[in-house]
């Protein structure tokens, strides 16, 4: 592999643009490694410098901060009956989740830009404080409307946590060591997905549902103390003019994302897809998207810079991870329904069928560097997604009704495949930009993944209900429920229907979920297509050095294998 070239040497916070000559893997073989570089000059301190105690306290803070954001999405779900029983609002309780998701998703670009402009530490501190303030307010909510509003406040903090934690993790470690911290963060997500429902159920059942929010306070307080005490960023030269924040662009992105995600989340649930509310929201979001493009083109410091999409590496990773967010809806949303309605498992056993995926994912992610050190980022990700495609296509081939270990085995393999796909892309794309662009790049990746999940929930929900409705046309009994949620609730009462009608419903659910997994396989194919057609064969990895003044600059660029 070639040594660093002279392109961009000394550019403070610059980045390699795959659109420029000599960076898109020209020449050479495709089998070289893009990860053998250490991500920095020998002996140079990392861009984010810690206190004398080393990086461990900061890593602990990052894991605690990630835990806050990760567990919040699952811990509330098991307490919904108690919350609705206390506050009411059964018809709008889904906004407890939708409101949080909206706030997290639409603020990711803003926090990414702010962290590049003002530094990671103030953004992370603000995110933790905002998240904890939202938690306190949620615990004090007096009705469902107030709780939903305070969940949005939580989400505003959660957006800062998700993006900034990932960015600081990349700042702290050189390229060779990044899989270690990313694997730890993946383990946090895996543990939270399993522990969240358990902790939420215990607190709701034996204490009070308000404790599911108050439990965030000690965790967040420790994370905040560790960040304030141990995270020290190097000083950078003061710019000639004060940095400007694109507040108009931030407002436009927030409004566009809010309308679009509201249309996707509520369409087919609160109102029909072709109804006036759905069409109005989609039309308004399209108009606002056009306005956002105009605002961003005119902004001196745009919130979503054009280079995010002009650089092939970043654009391809954004699209690939957006497709991954799309396919993740199949196991996370529809597999529990399949396990309970088709296999007849209880909620805990159904959760275990899904949770095995979270066991293999971090293990695969932790070992992925051994693969991409040999064959490169792009080939490793393509290998993982190719395996995921085959696993998703295998799901419809499972026997009916089958044994619980059948889908559990597939989910174990799927977790390993996706761990091999996601982490190399995140590590790789973060390594193609300098410090001053890493926050924006990381936020764009996470934003696309979140949007993909929202689109997937709407798209696959429509697919599942369409297949279910078609299968129920020749039902052996009248009065059967017509949508997936209603069927799932009906099947919880074994005496509600005759044996023939119950079996017909189970087979209809089985067919609906099979079609969802076929759709998820299509999303996997889209991810592969993005990598094959858009991603450069060799990721243009930047090596960063920190000079004596603590300023991060680009020492050089290394064209490395995909």
Protein backbone atom coordinates (compact mmCIF):
# COMPACT_ATOMS: atom_id res chain seq x y z
CA UNK A 1 0.00 0.00 0.00
CA UNK A 2 1.31 3.43 -0.85
CA UNK A 3 2.51 5.91 1.69
CA UNK A 4 0.63 9.12 2.30
CA UNK A 5 0.51 11.41 -0.65
CA UNK A 6 0.88 15.12 -0.74
CA UNK A 7 -2.75 15.95 -1.41
CA UNK A 8 -4.20 18.14 1.30
CA UNK A 9 -1.07 18.19 3.44
CA UNK A 10 -1.40 20.80 6.13
CA UNK A 11 -5.05 21.55 5.37
CA UNK A 12 -6.61 22.07 8.73
CA UNK A 13 -9.54 19.70 9.04
CA UNK A 14 -9.64 19.10 5.31
CA UNK A 15 -10.91 15.97 3.65
CA UNK A 16 -10.28 13.75 0.72
CA UNK A 17 -12.86 14.11 -1.99
CA UNK A 18 -13.33 10.93 -3.96
CA UNK A 19 -14.66 13.06 -6.76
CA UNK A 20 -11.19 14.43 -7.44
CA UNK A 21 -8.61 12.61 -9.46
CA UNK A 22 -6.47 9.96 -7.85
CA UNK A 23 -8.68 9.10 -4.92
CA UNK A 24 -11.24 6.67 -6.25
CA UNK A 25 -9.10 3.64 -6.20
CA UNK A 26 -7.32 4.29 -9.44
CA UNK A 27 -4.93 1.55 -10.34
CA UNK A 28 -3.81 -1.19 -8.02
CA UNK A 29 -5.72 -4.27 -7.08
CA UNK A 30 -8.94 -4.46 -5.20
CA UNK A 31 -7.57 -6.71 -2.58
CA UNK A 32 -5.34 -4.34 -0.68
CA UNK A 33 -6.22 -3.09 2.75
CA UNK A 34 -7.59 0.31 3.58
CA UNK A 35 -7.15 -0.17 7.27
CA UNK A 36 -3.47 -0.80 7.82
CA UNK A 37 -2.83 2.83 8.55
CA UNK A 38 -2.90 3.81 12.14
CA UNK A 39 -5.06 6.81 11.52
CA UNK A 40 -2.36 9.12 12.79
CA UNK A 41 1.31 9.88 12.96
CA UNK A 42 3.31 7.64 15.25
CA UNK A 43 3.24 9.03 18.75
CA UNK A 44 0.78 11.80 17.86
CA UNK A 45 -2.03 12.26 20.36
CA UNK A 46 -5.57 11.65 19.15
CA UNK A 47 -7.70 14.64 18.13
CA UNK A 48 -9.74 14.45 21.36
CA UNK A 49 -7.25 14.52 24.24
CA UNK A 50 -8.27 13.15 27.61
CA UNK A 51 -7.13 13.93 31.12
CA UNK A 52 -4.11 12.15 32.64
CA UNK A 53 -6.44 9.31 33.61
CA UNK A 54 -6.47 8.24 29.97
CA UNK A 55 -9.31 7.41 27.66
CA UNK A 56 -11.12 4.94 29.91
CA UNK A 57 -13.21 7.52 31.80
CA UNK A 58 -14.27 9.11 28.52
CA UNK A 59 -15.13 5.71 27.03
CA UNK A 60 -17.20 4.96 30.14
CA UNK A 61 -19.00 8.28 29.65
CA UNK A 62 -19.67 7.47 26.00
CA UNK A 63 -21.07 4.05 26.88
CA UNK A 64 -23.32 5.53 29.57
CA UNK A 65 -24.50 8.23 27.19
CA UNK A 66 -25.19 5.64 24.50
CA UNK A 67 -27.06 3.53 27.05
CA UNK A 68 -29.34 6.46 27.83
CA UNK A 69 -30.32 6.83 24.18
CA UNK A 70 -30.46 3.08 23.46
CA UNK A 71 -32.52 1.88 26.39
CA UNK A 72 -35.05 4.69 26.13
CA UNK A 73 -36.58 3.25 22.99
CA UNK A 74 -37.37 -0.11 24.64
CA UNK A 75 -37.89 0.57 28.32
CA UNK A 76 -41.10 2.54 27.72
CA UNK A 77 -42.80 -0.13 25.61
CA UNK A 78 -43.56 -2.56 28.44
CA UNK A 79 -45.02 0.20 30.64
CA UNK A 80 -47.57 1.46 28.11
CA UNK A 81 -50.57 -0.27 29.79
CA UNK A 82 -49.71 1.33 33.14
CA UNK A 83 -49.09 4.73 31.55
CA UNK A 84 -52.38 4.66 29.63
CA UNK A 85 -54.22 3.43 32.71
CA UNK A 86 -52.88 6.36 34.73
CA UNK A 87 -52.91 9.19 32.19
CA UNK A 88 -55.40 8.02 29.57
CA UNK A 89 -54.82 8.87 25.91
CA UNK A 90 -55.08 5.39 24.43
CA UNK A 91 -55.69 6.78 20.93
CA UNK A 92 -52.48 8.82 20.87
CA UNK A 93 -50.06 6.74 22.97
CA UNK A 94 -48.10 5.72 19.85
CA UNK A 95 -46.73 9.26 19.82
CA UNK A 96 -44.72 8.35 22.91
CA UNK A 97 -42.47 6.56 20.45
CA UNK A 98 -43.11 8.55 17.28
CA UNK A 99 -42.47 11.90 18.95
CA UNK A 100 -39.16 10.71 20.37
CA UNK A 101 -38.12 9.23 17.01
CA UNK A 102 -39.03 12.44 15.18
CA UNK A 103 -36.99 14.61 17.54
CA UNK A 104 -33.93 12.35 17.38
CA UNK A 105 -33.97 12.02 13.60
CA UNK A 106 -34.51 15.61 12.54
CA UNK A 107 -31.94 17.04 14.97
CA UNK A 108 -29.06 14.75 13.98
CA UNK A 109 -27.83 17.02 11.14
CA UNK A 110 -27.96 20.09 13.39
CA UNK A 111 -25.93 18.49 16.17
CA UNK A 112 -23.42 17.14 13.68
CA UNK A 113 -22.79 20.62 12.29
CA UNK A 114 -22.67 22.18 15.77
CA UNK A 115 -20.09 19.64 16.94
CA UNK A 116 -17.90 20.44 13.94
CA UNK A 117 -18.27 24.17 14.56
CA UNK A 118 -18.03 24.50 18.34
CA UNK A 119 -16.53 21.16 19.40
CA UNK A 120 -17.91 17.84 20.63
CA UNK A 121 -17.81 18.49 24.36
CA UNK A 122 -20.33 21.36 24.58
CA UNK A 123 -22.75 19.55 22.28
CA UNK A 124 -22.53 16.31 24.28
CA UNK A 125 -22.97 18.15 27.59
CA UNK A 126 -25.99 20.01 26.21
CA UNK A 127 -27.46 16.74 24.94
CA UNK A 128 -27.09 14.98 28.29
CA UNK A 129 -28.57 17.93 30.18
CA UNK A 130 -31.48 18.20 27.75
CA UNK A 131 -32.13 14.45 27.92
CA UNK A 132 -32.13 14.47 31.73
CA UNK A 133 -34.38 17.53 31.82
CA UNK A 134 -36.81 15.72 29.52
CA UNK A 135 -36.66 12.66 31.78
CA UNK A 136 -37.58 14.70 34.84
CA UNK A 137 -40.43 16.36 32.98
CA UNK A 138 -41.69 12.97 31.72
CA UNK A 139 -41.75 11.66 35.28
CA UNK A 140 -43.81 14.67 36.31
CA UNK A 141 -46.27 14.49 33.38
CA UNK A 142 -49.90 15.00 34.35
CA UNK A 143 -51.57 13.78 31.15
CA UNK A 144 -50.69 12.04 27.89
CA UNK A 145 -50.28 15.28 25.92
CA UNK A 146 -47.73 16.55 28.44
CA UNK A 147 -45.88 13.22 28.41
CA UNK A 148 -45.67 13.23 24.61
CA UNK A 149 -44.35 16.81 24.63
CA UNK A 150 -41.73 15.92 27.23
CA UNK A 151 -40.73 12.82 25.25
CA UNK A 152 -39.98 15.16 22.36
CA UNK A 153 -37.73 17.13 24.72
CA UNK A 154 -36.00 13.86 25.56
CA UNK A 155 -35.59 13.19 21.85
CA UNK A 156 -33.94 16.57 21.33
CA UNK A 157 -31.28 15.45 23.79
CA UNK A 158 -31.18 11.94 22.36
CA UNK A 159 -30.23 13.29 18.93
CA UNK A 160 -27.17 14.95 20.43
CA UNK A 161 -26.25 11.78 22.31
CA UNK A 162 -26.44 9.43 19.33
CA UNK A 163 -24.46 11.49 16.86
CA UNK A 164 -21.89 13.05 19.18
CA UNK A 165 -21.02 9.82 21.00
CA UNK A 166 -20.22 8.12 17.70
CA UNK A 167 -18.15 11.11 16.57
CA UNK A 168 -16.12 11.35 19.78
CA UNK A 169 -15.46 7.60 19.60
CA UNK A 170 -13.86 8.15 16.19
CA UNK A 171 -11.90 11.16 17.51
CA UNK A 172 -10.49 9.23 20.45
CA UNK A 173 -9.11 6.26 18.56
CA UNK A 174 -6.92 5.92 15.49
CA UNK A 175 -8.18 3.81 12.65
CA UNK A 176 -6.68 0.53 13.84
CA UNK A 177 -8.33 0.81 17.25
CA UNK A 178 -11.78 2.08 16.22
CA UNK A 179 -13.36 -1.39 15.94
CA UNK A 180 -12.74 -1.82 19.67
CA UNK A 181 -14.76 1.21 20.74
CA UNK A 182 -17.42 0.63 18.08
CA UNK A 183 -17.84 -2.95 19.31
CA UNK A 184 -18.29 -1.65 22.85
CA UNK A 185 -20.97 0.78 21.67
CA UNK A 186 -22.66 -2.04 19.73
CA UNK A 187 -22.65 -4.12 22.90
CA UNK A 188 -24.37 -1.27 24.72
CA UNK A 189 -27.12 -1.24 22.11
CA UNK A 190 -27.46 -5.03 22.28
CA UNK A 191 -27.62 -5.09 26.07
CA UNK A 192 -30.09 -2.22 26.15
CA UNK A 193 -32.44 -3.90 23.68
CA UNK A 194 -32.62 -6.93 25.95
CA UNK A 195 -32.54 -5.17 29.32
CA UNK A 196 -34.92 -2.33 28.43
CA UNK A 197 -38.18 -4.31 28.31
CA UNK A 198 -37.19 -6.29 31.42
CA UNK A 199 -36.32 -3.22 33.48
CA UNK A 200 -39.38 -1.36 32.21
CA UNK A 201 -41.67 -4.24 33.09
CA UNK A 202 -40.20 -4.60 36.58
CA UNK A 203 -40.46 -0.90 37.35
CA UNK A 204 -43.98 -0.62 35.98
CA UNK A 205 -45.13 -3.77 37.75
CA UNK A 206 -43.49 -3.39 41.14
CA UNK A 207 -42.85 0.34 41.51
CA UNK A 208 -44.34 3.08 39.33
CA UNK A 209 -44.01 3.78 35.63
CA UNK A 210 -42.51 7.19 36.40
CA UNK A 211 -39.34 5.44 37.58
CA UNK A 212 -38.54 4.36 34.03
CA UNK A 213 -37.67 8.01 33.43
CA UNK A 214 -36.16 8.81 36.82
CA UNK A 215 -33.71 5.90 36.47
CA UNK A 216 -31.99 7.97 33.78
CA UNK A 217 -30.88 10.57 36.30
CA UNK A 218 -28.06 8.72 38.12
CA UNK A 219 -26.78 7.22 34.86
CA UNK A 220 -26.80 10.58 33.13
CA UNK A 221 -25.26 12.34 36.12
CA UNK A 222 -22.27 9.98 36.10
CA UNK A 223 -21.86 10.38 32.33
CA UNK A 224 -22.04 14.16 32.65
CA UNK A 225 -19.43 14.23 35.42
CA UNK A 226 -17.05 12.03 33.44
CA UNK A 227 -17.41 14.18 30.32
CA UNK A 228 -16.88 17.45 32.17
CA UNK A 229 -13.88 16.14 34.09
CA UNK A 230 -12.08 13.93 31.60
CA UNK A 231 -12.93 14.99 28.04
CA UNK A 232 -10.55 17.73 26.92
CA UNK A 233 -10.47 18.84 23.32
CA UNK A 234 -7.35 20.55 21.97
CA UNK A 235 -7.59 24.25 21.35
CA UNK A 236 -7.91 25.30 17.73
CA UNK A 237 -6.94 28.55 16.07
CA UNK A 238 -9.60 31.20 16.50
CA UNK A 239 -11.26 31.87 13.14
CA UNK A 240 -10.98 35.32 11.60
CA UNK A 241 -14.76 35.74 11.79
CA UNK A 242 -17.17 34.23 14.32
CA UNK A 243 -18.63 30.90 13.19
CA UNK A 244 -22.11 31.18 11.77
CA UNK A 245 -24.81 28.61 12.37
CA UNK A 246 -27.32 27.99 9.61
CA UNK A 247 -30.38 28.41 11.81
CA UNK A 248 -32.67 28.93 8.81
CA UNK A 249 -31.46 25.64 7.36
CA UNK A 250 -31.86 23.93 10.73
CA UNK A 251 -35.46 25.11 10.97
CA UNK A 252 -36.15 24.02 7.39
CA UNK A 253 -34.64 20.57 7.95
CA UNK A 254 -36.56 20.19 11.21
CA UNK A 255 -39.86 21.16 9.59
CA UNK A 256 -39.30 18.97 6.53
CA UNK A 257 -38.27 15.96 8.58
CA UNK A 258 -41.12 16.40 11.02
CA UNK A 259 -43.78 16.50 8.32
CA UNK A 260 -42.28 13.62 6.34
CA UNK A 261 -41.80 11.34 9.34
CA UNK A 262 -45.26 12.21 10.66
CA UNK A 263 -46.72 11.18 7.31
CA UNK A 264 -44.72 7.93 7.33
CA UNK A 265 -45.41 7.04 10.97
CA UNK A 266 -49.12 7.89 11.02
CA UNK A 267 -50.07 6.95 7.46
CA UNK A 268 -52.12 3.78 7.38
CA UNK A 269 -52.52 3.98 11.16
CA UNK A 270 -54.18 7.23 12.17
CA UNK A 271 -55.59 7.78 8.68
CA UNK A 272 -55.60 5.99 5.28
CA UNK A 273 -52.63 6.42 2.98
CA UNK A 274 -54.62 8.16 0.25
CA UNK A 275 -56.54 10.40 2.63
CA UNK A 276 -56.29 14.17 2.73
CA UNK A 277 -54.00 14.23 5.82
CA UNK A 278 -51.48 11.84 4.21
CA UNK A 279 -51.46 13.58 0.84
CA UNK A 280 -51.30 16.99 2.50
CA UNK A 281 -48.34 16.00 4.69
CA UNK A 282 -46.42 14.43 1.80
CA UNK A 283 -47.10 17.45 -0.40
CA UNK A 284 -46.05 19.91 2.30
CA UNK A 285 -42.89 17.93 3.07
CA UNK A 286 -41.96 17.91 -0.64
CA UNK A 287 -42.44 21.69 -0.84
CA UNK A 288 -40.38 22.22 2.31
CA UNK A 289 -37.67 19.90 0.98
CA UNK A 290 -37.37 22.09 -2.11
CA UNK A 291 -37.21 25.18 0.10
CA UNK A 292 -34.53 23.52 2.23
CA UNK A 293 -32.37 22.90 -0.84
CA UNK A 294 -32.66 26.57 -1.80
CA UNK A 295 -31.75 27.72 1.72
CA UNK A 296 -28.80 25.36 1.97
CA UNK A 297 -27.42 26.43 -1.40
CA UNK A 298 -27.40 30.05 -0.30
CA UNK A 299 -26.07 29.48 3.23
CA UNK A 300 -22.45 30.41 3.96
CA UNK A 301 -22.13 27.44 6.34
CA UNK A 302 -24.92 25.05 5.32
CA UNK A 303 -26.28 22.59 7.83
CA UNK A 304 -26.16 19.78 5.26
CA UNK A 305 -23.23 20.68 3.01
CA UNK A 306 -23.34 19.62 -0.61
CA UNK A 307 -20.13 17.63 -0.23
CA UNK A 308 -22.00 15.06 1.85
CA UNK A 309 -23.65 13.88 -1.36
CA UNK A 310 -20.97 14.89 -3.87
CA UNK A 311 -18.34 12.61 -2.35
CA UNK A 312 -18.91 9.09 -3.55
CA UNK A 313 -17.72 7.41 -0.37
CA UNK A 314 -20.06 9.32 1.94
CA UNK A 315 -23.02 9.22 -0.44
CA UNK A 316 -22.71 5.46 -0.97
CA UNK A 317 -22.43 4.77 2.77
CA UNK A 318 -25.43 7.01 3.48
CA UNK A 319 -27.54 5.14 0.93
CA UNK A 320 -26.30 1.72 2.06
CA UNK A 321 -27.03 2.38 5.73
CA UNK A 322 -30.37 3.92 4.81
CA UNK A 323 -31.22 0.64 3.09
CA UNK A 324 -30.04 -1.23 6.18
CA UNK A 325 -32.40 0.86 8.31
CA UNK A 326 -35.16 -0.15 5.90
CA UNK A 327 -34.47 -3.89 6.19
CA UNK A 328 -34.06 -3.75 9.99
CA UNK A 329 -37.80 -3.16 10.31
CA UNK A 330 -38.46 -6.80 9.36
CA UNK A 331 -36.78 -8.41 12.38
CA UNK A 332 -37.33 -5.66 14.95
CA UNK A 333 -40.99 -4.90 14.22
CA UNK A 334 -42.47 -7.99 12.57
CA UNK A 335 -40.51 -10.89 14.04
CA UNK A 336 -42.06 -10.56 17.54
CA UNK A 337 -45.50 -10.58 15.90
CA UNK A 338 -44.55 -13.71 13.96
CA UNK A 339 -43.20 -15.42 17.09
CA UNK A 340 -46.35 -14.74 19.09
CA UNK A 341 -49.04 -15.15 16.42
CA UNK A 342 -47.57 -17.99 14.33
CA UNK A 343 -45.33 -19.85 16.76
CA UNK A 344 -47.61 -19.23 19.75
CA UNK A 345 -44.83 -17.95 22.02
CA UNK A 346 -45.29 -15.60 24.93
CA UNK A 347 -43.88 -12.05 24.89
CA UNK A 348 -40.70 -13.01 26.77
CA UNK A 349 -39.93 -16.01 24.54
CA UNK A 350 -40.74 -13.92 21.45
CA UNK A 351 -38.30 -11.29 22.64
CA UNK A 352 -35.61 -13.93 23.02
CA UNK A 353 -36.04 -15.01 19.39
CA UNK A 354 -35.20 -11.45 18.40
CA UNK A 355 -32.54 -10.84 21.04
CA UNK A 356 -30.19 -13.53 19.69
CA UNK A 357 -29.46 -11.14 16.83
CA UNK A 358 -28.10 -8.64 19.35
CA UNK A 359 -25.75 -11.30 20.71
CA UNK A 360 -23.97 -12.04 17.44
CA UNK A 361 -23.94 -8.47 16.12
CA UNK A 362 -21.33 -6.97 18.51
CA UNK A 363 -19.17 -10.09 18.31
CA UNK A 364 -19.11 -9.89 14.53
CA UNK A 365 -18.46 -6.15 14.68
CA UNK A 366 -15.55 -6.63 17.07
CA UNK A 367 -13.93 -9.14 14.72
CA UNK A 368 -14.65 -7.25 11.51
CA UNK A 369 -11.30 -5.45 11.55
CA UNK A 370 -9.59 -8.78 10.92
CA UNK A 371 -11.58 -8.98 7.71
CA UNK A 372 -11.32 -5.42 6.43
CA UNK A 373 -7.63 -5.30 7.26
CA UNK A 374 -7.28 -8.01 4.63
CA UNK A 375 -9.90 -7.22 2.00
CA UNK A 376 -10.91 -3.63 2.75
CA UNK A 377 -13.98 -1.75 3.94
CA UNK A 378 -16.10 -2.07 0.80
CA UNK A 379 -15.56 -5.78 0.24
CA UNK A 380 -16.17 -6.56 3.91
CA UNK A 381 -19.45 -4.65 3.90
CA UNK A 382 -20.51 -6.32 0.66
CA UNK A 383 -19.73 -9.74 2.14
CA UNK A 384 -21.85 -8.99 5.20
CA UNK A 385 -24.80 -7.67 3.21
CA UNK A 386 -24.64 -10.54 0.70
CA UNK A 387 -24.95 -12.96 3.62
CA UNK A 388 -27.81 -10.89 5.05
CA UNK A 389 -29.60 -11.03 1.70
CA UNK A 390 -29.46 -14.83 1.64
CA UNK A 391 -30.60 -15.08 5.27
CA UNK A 392 -33.59 -12.80 4.65
CA UNK A 393 -34.58 -14.84 1.60
CA UNK A 394 -34.36 -18.02 3.70
CA UNK A 395 -36.99 -16.80 6.15
CA UNK A 396 -40.02 -17.43 3.85
CA UNK A 397 -38.72 -20.98 3.38
CA UNK A 398 -39.20 -21.83 7.06
CA UNK A 399 -41.81 -24.56 7.65
CA UNK A 400 -45.23 -23.68 9.02
CA UNK A 401 -45.59 -23.35 11.95
CA UNK A 402 -42.03 -24.52 12.60
CA UNK A 403 -39.96 -24.49 15.76
CA UNK A 404 -38.77 -21.37 17.63
CA UNK A 405 -35.14 -22.24 17.00
CA UNK A 406 -35.64 -21.88 13.25
CA UNK A 407 -36.11 -18.08 13.19
CA UNK A 408 -33.75 -17.74 16.17
CA UNK A 409 -30.95 -19.36 14.17
CA UNK A 410 -31.61 -17.08 11.22
CA UNK A 411 -31.54 -14.02 13.49
CA UNK A 412 -28.27 -15.17 15.02
CA UNK A 413 -26.77 -15.38 11.53
CA UNK A 414 -28.37 -12.08 10.51
CA UNK A 415 -26.81 -10.27 13.45
CA UNK A 416 -23.38 -11.60 12.49
CA UNK A 417 -23.88 -10.53 8.88
CA UNK A 418 -25.04 -7.01 9.74
CA UNK A 419 -22.21 -6.54 12.24
CA UNK A 420 -19.83 -7.31 9.38
CA UNK A 421 -21.67 -4.79 7.22
CA UNK A 422 -22.32 -1.76 9.40
CA UNK A 423 -19.15 -1.26 11.42
CA UNK A 424 -16.67 -1.29 8.50
CA UNK A 425 -18.77 1.34 6.72
CA UNK A 426 -19.00 3.61 9.77
CA UNK A 427 -15.30 3.26 10.59
CA UNK A 428 -14.39 3.64 6.94
CA UNK A 429 -16.44 6.76 6.22
CA UNK A 430 -15.29 8.45 9.44
CA UNK A 431 -11.72 7.82 8.35
CA UNK A 432 -12.16 9.65 5.03
CA UNK A 433 -12.79 13.04 6.64
CA UNK A 434 -10.90 15.31 8.98
CA UNK A 435 -11.94 16.43 12.45
CA UNK A 436 -13.85 19.48 11.21
CA UNK A 437 -16.11 17.34 9.00
CA UNK A 438 -16.46 14.18 11.05
CA UNK A 439 -19.47 15.31 13.07
CA UNK A 440 -21.44 16.27 9.96
CA UNK A 441 -20.47 13.03 8.22
CA UNK A 442 -21.41 10.82 11.17
CA UNK A 443 -24.71 12.66 11.62
CA UNK A 444 -25.58 12.21 7.94
CA UNK A 445 -24.99 8.46 8.21
CA UNK A 446 -27.15 8.12 11.32
CA UNK A 447 -29.81 10.41 9.83
CA UNK A 448 -30.11 8.25 6.71
CA UNK A 449 -30.34 5.10 8.82
CA UNK A 450 -33.12 6.61 10.96
CA UNK A 451 -35.05 7.81 7.90
CA UNK A 452 -34.68 4.35 6.40
CA UNK A 453 -36.24 2.81 9.49
CA UNK A 454 -39.18 5.22 9.34
CA UNK A 455 -39.77 4.54 5.66
CA UNK A 456 -39.46 0.80 6.29
CA UNK A 457 -42.03 0.85 9.07
CA UNK A 458 -44.55 2.59 6.81
CA UNK A 459 -43.76 0.60 3.67
CA UNK A 460 -43.66 -2.85 5.23
CA UNK A 461 -46.68 -2.09 7.40
CA UNK A 462 -48.64 -1.42 4.22
CA UNK A 463 -47.26 -4.60 2.62
CA UNK A 464 -48.15 -6.76 5.63
CA UNK A 465 -51.69 -5.38 5.91
CA UNK A 466 -52.21 -5.73 2.14
CA UNK A 467 -51.17 -9.39 2.15
CA UNK A 468 -53.23 -10.05 5.25
CA UNK A 469 -56.35 -8.48 3.71
CA UNK A 470 -55.91 -10.55 0.55
CA UNK A 471 -55.56 -13.79 2.54
CA UNK A 472 -58.66 -13.04 4.61
CA UNK A 473 -60.93 -12.71 1.58
CA UNK A 474 -61.55 -16.47 1.65
CA UNK A 475 -61.62 -16.79 5.45
CA UNK A 476 -63.71 -19.67 6.83
CA UNK A 477 -65.56 -17.35 9.20
CA UNK A 478 -67.01 -13.84 9.20
CA UNK A 479 -66.03 -10.98 11.45
CA UNK A 480 -62.29 -11.65 11.46
CA UNK A 481 -60.01 -8.64 12.11
CA UNK A 482 -58.57 -6.97 9.05
CA UNK A 483 -55.18 -5.56 10.06
CA UNK A 484 -52.05 -7.07 11.56
CA UNK A 485 -52.28 -5.44 14.98
CA UNK A 486 -55.92 -6.48 15.41
CA UNK A 487 -55.13 -10.05 14.31
CA UNK A 488 -52.28 -10.25 16.80
CA UNK A 489 -54.51 -9.11 19.65
CA UNK A 490 -57.26 -11.51 18.59
CA UNK A 491 -54.91 -14.49 18.54
CA UNK A 492 -53.96 -13.81 22.16
CA UNK A 493 -57.43 -15.16 23.06
CA UNK A 494 -57.41 -18.81 21.96
CA UNK A 495 -61.16 -19.18 22.39
CA UNK A 496 -62.16 -16.20 20.29
CA UNK A 497 -62.46 -18.17 17.02
CA UNK A 498 -62.92 -21.70 15.80
CA UNK A 499 -59.87 -23.87 15.20
CA UNK A 500 -60.19 -23.43 11.42
CA UNK A 501 -60.48 -19.64 11.68
CA UNK A 502 -57.55 -19.44 14.10
CA UNK A 503 -55.36 -21.53 11.79
CA UNK A 504 -56.38 -19.35 8.84
CA UNK A 505 -55.38 -16.23 10.76
CA UNK A 506 -52.04 -17.73 11.72
CA UNK A 507 -51.31 -18.69 8.12
CA UNK A 508 -52.29 -15.21 6.99
CA UNK A 509 -49.86 -13.65 9.47
CA UNK A 510 -47.17 -16.09 8.34
CA UNK A 511 -47.70 -15.05 4.71
CA UNK A 512 -47.68 -11.35 5.62
CA UNK A 513 -44.39 -11.60 7.51
CA UNK A 514 -42.88 -13.71 4.72
CA UNK A 515 -43.62 -10.91 2.26
CA UNK A 516 -42.07 -8.38 4.63
CA UNK A 517 -38.86 -10.42 4.73
CA UNK A 518 -38.84 -10.61 0.93
CA UNK A 519 -39.13 -6.82 0.92
CA UNK A 520 -36.28 -6.63 3.44
CA UNK A 521 -34.20 -8.77 1.08
CA UNK A 522 -34.96 -6.19 -1.61
CA UNK A 523 -33.60 -3.49 0.73
CA UNK A 524 -30.45 -5.59 1.20
CA UNK A 525 -30.09 -5.74 -2.57
CA UNK A 526 -30.37 -1.93 -2.70
CA UNK A 527 -27.59 -1.63 -0.12
CA UNK A 528 -25.38 -3.89 -2.23
CA UNK A 529 -26.24 -1.90 -5.35
CA UNK A 530 -25.21 1.35 -3.64
CA UNK A 531 -21.83 -0.13 -2.70
CA UNK A 532 -21.23 -1.73 -6.08
CA UNK A 533 -22.15 1.26 -8.23
CA UNK A 534 -21.28 4.27 -6.04
CA UNK A 535 -18.65 3.34 -3.47
CA UNK A 536 -15.07 3.80 -4.67
CA UNK A 537 -13.07 0.61 -4.89
CA UNK A 538 -10.60 2.08 -2.42
CA UNK A 539 -11.73 4.26 0.48
CA UNK A 540 -9.57 7.43 0.55
CA UNK A 541 -8.44 7.15 4.17
CA UNK A 542 -7.02 10.30 5.76
CA UNK A 543 -4.24 10.16 8.32
CA UNK A 544 -4.56 12.86 10.93
CA UNK A 545 -1.86 14.39 13.05
CA UNK A 546 -2.06 16.75 15.96
CA UNK A 547 0.55 19.46 15.95
CA UNK A 548 2.20 20.89 19.01
CA UNK A 549 -0.54 23.49 19.38
CA UNK A 550 -3.18 20.76 19.49
CA UNK A 551 -4.65 21.60 16.09
CA UNK A 552 -5.82 18.66 14.05
CA UNK A 553 -4.63 18.80 10.48
CA UNK A 554 -4.58 16.39 7.61
CA UNK A 555 -1.12 14.92 7.34
CA UNK A 556 -1.90 13.10 4.14
CA UNK A 557 -4.30 10.83 2.38
CA UNK A 558 -3.99 7.14 1.76
CA UNK A 559 -5.89 5.46 -1.01
CA UNK A 560 -6.90 2.17 0.49
CA UNK A 561 -8.87 -0.83 -0.60
CA UNK A 562 -12.67 -0.85 -0.45
